[in-house]
Amino acid sequence: MSKTVKHYDMLIEENNDPVYDSEEMKEYMKKWDGQSFSKHNGIRFD
């Protein structure tokens, strides 16, 4: 497991799941950790 995946898993465990972010926040965060970043790190948002 990559450090990135572990980081996101730990955030979710702390009830900081980006799935529940507002649409505005999701759009903003796409600039930082969008699909290409996620794909590269093996992160899936199913």
PDB file of N, CA and C in Angstrom:
ATOM      1  N   MET A   1       0.859  -1.180   0.000  1.00  0.00           N
ATOM      2  CA  MET A   1       0.000   0.000   0.000  1.00  0.00           C
ATOM      3  C   MET A   1       0.900   1.237   0.000  1.00  0.00           C
ATOM      4  N   SER A   2       0.574   2.172  -0.877  1.00  0.00           N
ATOM      5  CA  SER A   2       1.390   3.383  -0.944  1.00  0.00           C
ATOM      6  C   SER A   2       1.110   4.288   0.254  1.00  0.00           C
ATOM      7  N   LYS A   3       2.030   5.174   0.510  1.00  0.00           N
ATOM      8  CA  LYS A   3       1.849   6.138   1.604  1.00  0.00           C
ATOM      9  C   LYS A   3       0.637   7.021   1.357  1.00  0.00           C
ATOM     10  N   THR A   4       0.374   7.314   0.095  1.00  0.00           N
ATOM     11  CA  THR A   4      -0.774   8.166  -0.242  1.00  0.00           C
ATOM     12  C   THR A   4      -2.088   7.473   0.093  1.00  0.00           C
ATOM     13  N   VAL A   5      -2.212   6.208  -0.296  1.00  0.00           N
ATOM     14  CA  VAL A   5      -3.427   5.456   0.010  1.00  0.00           C
ATOM     15  C   VAL A   5      -3.604   5.343   1.514  1.00  0.00           C
ATOM     16  N   LYS A   6      -2.531   5.056   2.218  1.00  0.00           N
ATOM     17  CA  LYS A   6      -2.598   4.951   3.681  1.00  0.00           C
ATOM     18  C   LYS A   6      -3.053   6.280   4.291  1.00  0.00           C
ATOM     19  N   HIS A   7      -2.542   7.385   3.769  1.00  0.00           N
ATOM     20  CA  HIS A   7      -2.922   8.707   4.262  1.00  0.00           C
ATOM     21  C   HIS A   7      -4.426   8.926   4.110  1.00  0.00           C
ATOM     22  N   TYR A   8      -4.954   8.650   2.916  1.00  0.00           N
ATOM     23  CA  TYR A   8      -6.388   8.845   2.691  1.00  0.00           C
ATOM     24  C   TYR A   8      -7.227   7.898   3.542  1.00  0.00           C
ATOM     25  N   ASP A   9      -6.781   6.669   3.705  1.00  0.00           N
ATOM     26  CA  ASP A   9      -7.497   5.728   4.569  1.00  0.00           C
ATOM     27  C   ASP A   9      -7.546   6.228   6.004  1.00  0.00           C
ATOM     28  N   MET A  10      -6.444   6.805   6.479  1.00  0.00           N
ATOM     29  CA  MET A  10      -6.412   7.336   7.839  1.00  0.00           C
ATOM     30  C   MET A  10      -7.357   8.535   7.981  1.00  0.00           C
ATOM     31  N   LEU A  11      -7.437   9.378   6.965  1.00  0.00           N
ATOM     32  CA  LEU A  11      -8.376  10.503   7.005  1.00  0.00           C
ATOM     33  C   LEU A  11      -9.812  10.000   7.126  1.00  0.00           C
ATOM     34  N   ILE A  12     -10.137   8.976   6.344  1.00  0.00           N
ATOM     35  CA  ILE A  12     -11.490   8.414   6.388  1.00  0.00           C
ATOM     36  C   ILE A  12     -11.780   7.845   7.768  1.00  0.00           C
ATOM     37  N   GLU A  13     -10.817   7.152   8.355  1.00  0.00           N
ATOM     38  CA  GLU A  13     -10.995   6.602   9.703  1.00  0.00           C
ATOM     39  C   GLU A  13     -11.264   7.694  10.732  1.00  0.00           C
ATOM     40  N   GLU A  14     -10.778   8.906  10.469  1.00  0.00           N
ATOM     41  CA  GLU A  14     -10.981  10.032  11.384  1.00  0.00           C
ATOM     42  C   GLU A  14     -12.217  10.850  11.000  1.00  0.00           C
ATOM     43  N   ASN A  15     -13.109  10.258  10.188  1.00  0.00           N
ATOM     44  CA  ASN A  15     -14.334  10.916   9.725  1.00  0.00           C
ATOM     45  C   ASN A  15     -14.051  12.155   8.888  1.00  0.00           C
ATOM     46  N   ASN A  16     -12.958  12.123   8.156  1.00  0.00           N
ATOM     47  CA  ASN A  16     -12.607  13.210   7.243  1.00  0.00           C
ATOM     48  C   ASN A  16     -12.624  12.641   5.824  1.00  0.00           C
ATOM     49  N   ASP A  17     -13.800  12.175   5.408  1.00  0.00           N
ATOM     50  CA  ASP A  17     -13.962  11.516   4.117  1.00  0.00           C
ATOM     51  C   ASP A  17     -14.357  12.551   3.065  1.00  0.00           C
ATOM     52  N   PRO A  18     -13.520  12.734   2.040  1.00  0.00           N
ATOM     53  CA  PRO A  18     -13.814  13.738   1.022  1.00  0.00           C
ATOM     54  C   PRO A  18     -15.085  13.466   0.227  1.00  0.00           C
ATOM     55  N   VAL A  19     -15.632  12.272   0.339  1.00  0.00           N
ATOM     56  CA  VAL A  19     -16.898  11.958  -0.337  1.00  0.00           C
ATOM     57  C   VAL A  19     -18.005  12.891   0.159  1.00  0.00           C
ATOM     58  N   TYR A  20     -17.904  13.322   1.400  1.00  0.00           N
ATOM     59  CA  TYR A  20     -18.942  14.155   2.002  1.00  0.00           C
ATOM     60  C   TYR A  20     -18.658  15.656   1.883  1.00  0.00           C
ATOM     61  N   ASP A  21     -17.601  16.031   1.181  1.00  0.00           N
ATOM     62  CA  ASP A  21     -17.298  17.452   0.974  1.00  0.00           C
ATOM     63  C   ASP A  21     -18.374  18.106   0.108  1.00  0.00           C
ATOM     64  N   SER A  22     -18.526  19.403   0.253  1.00  0.00           N
ATOM     65  CA  SER A  22     -19.460  20.146  -0.592  1.00  0.00           C
ATOM     66  C   SER A  22     -18.958  20.122  -2.039  1.00  0.00           C
ATOM     67  N   GLU A  23     -19.842  20.382  -2.977  1.00  0.00           N
ATOM     68  CA  GLU A  23     -19.452  20.395  -4.389  1.00  0.00           C
ATOM     69  C   GLU A  23     -18.374  21.452  -4.643  1.00  0.00           C
ATOM     70  N   GLU A  24     -18.491  22.583  -3.976  1.00  0.00           N
ATOM     71  CA  GLU A  24     -17.490  23.641  -4.133  1.00  0.00           C
ATOM     72  C   GLU A  24     -16.105  23.154  -3.686  1.00  0.00           C
ATOM     73  N   MET A  25     -16.060  22.475  -2.562  1.00  0.00           N
ATOM     74  CA  MET A  25     -14.785  21.959  -2.056  1.00  0.00           C
ATOM     75  C   MET A  25     -14.239  20.881  -2.979  1.00  0.00           C
ATOM     76  N   LYS A  26     -15.112  20.009  -3.486  1.00  0.00           N
ATOM     77  CA  LYS A  26     -14.660  18.960  -4.403  1.00  0.00           C
ATOM     78  C   LYS A  26     -14.027  19.562  -5.654  1.00  0.00           C
ATOM     79  N   GLU A  27     -14.647  20.600  -6.194  1.00  0.00           N
ATOM     80  CA  GLU A  27     -14.106  21.252  -7.387  1.00  0.00           C
ATOM     81  C   GLU A  27     -12.741  21.877  -7.088  1.00  0.00           C
ATOM     82  N   TYR A  28     -12.628  22.506  -5.945  1.00  0.00           N
ATOM     83  CA  TYR A  28     -11.351  23.111  -5.548  1.00  0.00           C
ATOM     84  C   TYR A  28     -10.270  22.040  -5.390  1.00  0.00           C
ATOM     85  N   MET A  29     -10.622  20.941  -4.729  1.00  0.00           N
ATOM     86  CA  MET A  29      -9.637  19.895  -4.451  1.00  0.00           C
ATOM     87  C   MET A  29      -9.211  19.151  -5.709  1.00  0.00           C
ATOM     88  N   LYS A  30     -10.025  19.162  -6.746  1.00  0.00           N
ATOM     89  CA  LYS A  30      -9.628  18.517  -8.003  1.00  0.00           C
ATOM     90  C   LYS A  30      -8.353  19.144  -8.550  1.00  0.00           C
ATOM     91  N   LYS A  31      -8.108  20.399  -8.201  1.00  0.00           N
ATOM     92  CA  LYS A  31      -6.884  21.069  -8.640  1.00  0.00           C
ATOM     93  C   LYS A  31      -5.661  20.482  -7.930  1.00  0.00           C
ATOM     94  N   TRP A  32      -5.877  19.902  -6.760  1.00  0.00           N
ATOM     95  CA  TRP A  32      -4.773  19.387  -5.950  1.00  0.00           C
ATOM     96  C   TRP A  32      -4.629  17.884  -6.057  1.00  0.00           C
ATOM     97  N   ASP A  33      -5.740  17.185  -6.042  1.00  0.00           N
ATOM     98  CA  ASP A  33      -5.668  15.719  -6.097  1.00  0.00           C
ATOM     99  C   ASP A  33      -6.743  15.159  -7.006  1.00  0.00           C
ATOM    100  N   GLY A  34      -6.687  15.581  -8.253  1.00  0.00           N
ATOM    101  CA  GLY A  34      -7.666  15.166  -9.252  1.00  0.00           C
ATOM    102  C   GLY A  34      -7.457  13.745  -9.745  1.00  0.00           C
ATOM    103  N   GLN A  35      -8.135  13.406 -10.825  1.00  0.00           N
ATOM    104  CA  GLN A  35      -8.145  12.043 -11.336  1.00  0.00           C
ATOM    105  C   GLN A  35      -6.763  11.531 -11.714  1.00  0.00           C
ATOM    106  N   SER A  36      -5.936  12.354 -12.354  1.00  0.00           N
ATOM    107  CA  SER A  36      -4.616  11.849 -12.755  1.00  0.00           C
ATOM    108  C   SER A  36      -3.774  11.502 -11.524  1.00  0.00           C
ATOM    109  N   PHE A  37      -3.863  12.316 -10.482  1.00  0.00           N
ATOM    110  CA  PHE A  37      -3.161  12.038  -9.225  1.00  0.00           C
ATOM    111  C   PHE A  37      -3.673  10.727  -8.630  1.00  0.00           C
ATOM    112  N   SER A  38      -4.991  10.586  -8.576  1.00  0.00           N
ATOM    113  CA  SER A  38      -5.599   9.397  -7.991  1.00  0.00           C
ATOM    114  C   SER A  38      -5.241   8.151  -8.785  1.00  0.00           C
ATOM    115  N   LYS A  39      -5.327   8.244 -10.102  1.00  0.00           N
ATOM    116  CA  LYS A  39      -5.005   7.098 -10.952  1.00  0.00           C
ATOM    117  C   LYS A  39      -3.548   6.682 -10.754  1.00  0.00           C
ATOM    118  N   HIS A  40      -2.678   7.636 -10.722  1.00  0.00           N
ATOM    119  CA  HIS A  40      -1.250   7.354 -10.544  1.00  0.00           C
ATOM    120  C   HIS A  40      -0.970   6.638  -9.224  1.00  0.00           C
ATOM    121  N   ASN A  41      -1.745   6.973  -8.201  1.00  0.00           N
ATOM    122  CA  ASN A  41      -1.533   6.400  -6.880  1.00  0.00           C
ATOM    123  C   ASN A  41      -2.450   5.218  -6.560  1.00  0.00           C
ATOM    124  N   GLY A  42      -3.212   4.780  -7.561  1.00  0.00           N
ATOM    125  CA  GLY A  42      -4.068   3.602  -7.375  1.00  0.00           C
ATOM    126  C   GLY A  42      -5.264   3.843  -6.485  1.00  0.00           C
ATOM    127  N   ILE A  43      -5.728   5.090  -6.408  1.00  0.00           N
ATOM    128  CA  ILE A  43      -6.869   5.433  -5.573  1.00  0.00           C
ATOM    129  C   ILE A  43      -8.121   5.409  -6.443  1.00  0.00           C
ATOM    130  N   ARG A  44      -9.143   4.702  -5.970  1.00  0.00           N
ATOM    131  CA  ARG A  44     -10.412   4.621  -6.692  1.00  0.00           C
ATOM    132  C   ARG A  44     -11.499   5.267  -5.852  1.00  0.00           C
ATOM    133  N   PHE A  45     -12.367   5.998  -6.493  1.00  0.00           N
ATOM    134  CA  PHE A  45     -13.488   6.659  -5.806  1.00  0.00           C
ATOM    135  C   PHE A  45     -14.797   6.056  -6.303  1.00  0.00           C
ATOM    136  N   ASP A  46     -15.010   4.807  -5.969  1.00  0.00           N
ATOM    137  CA  ASP A  46     -16.236   4.102  -6.409  1.00  0.00           C
ATOM    138  C   ASP A  46     -17.365   4.350  -5.462  1.00  0.00           C
TER     139      ASP A  46
END
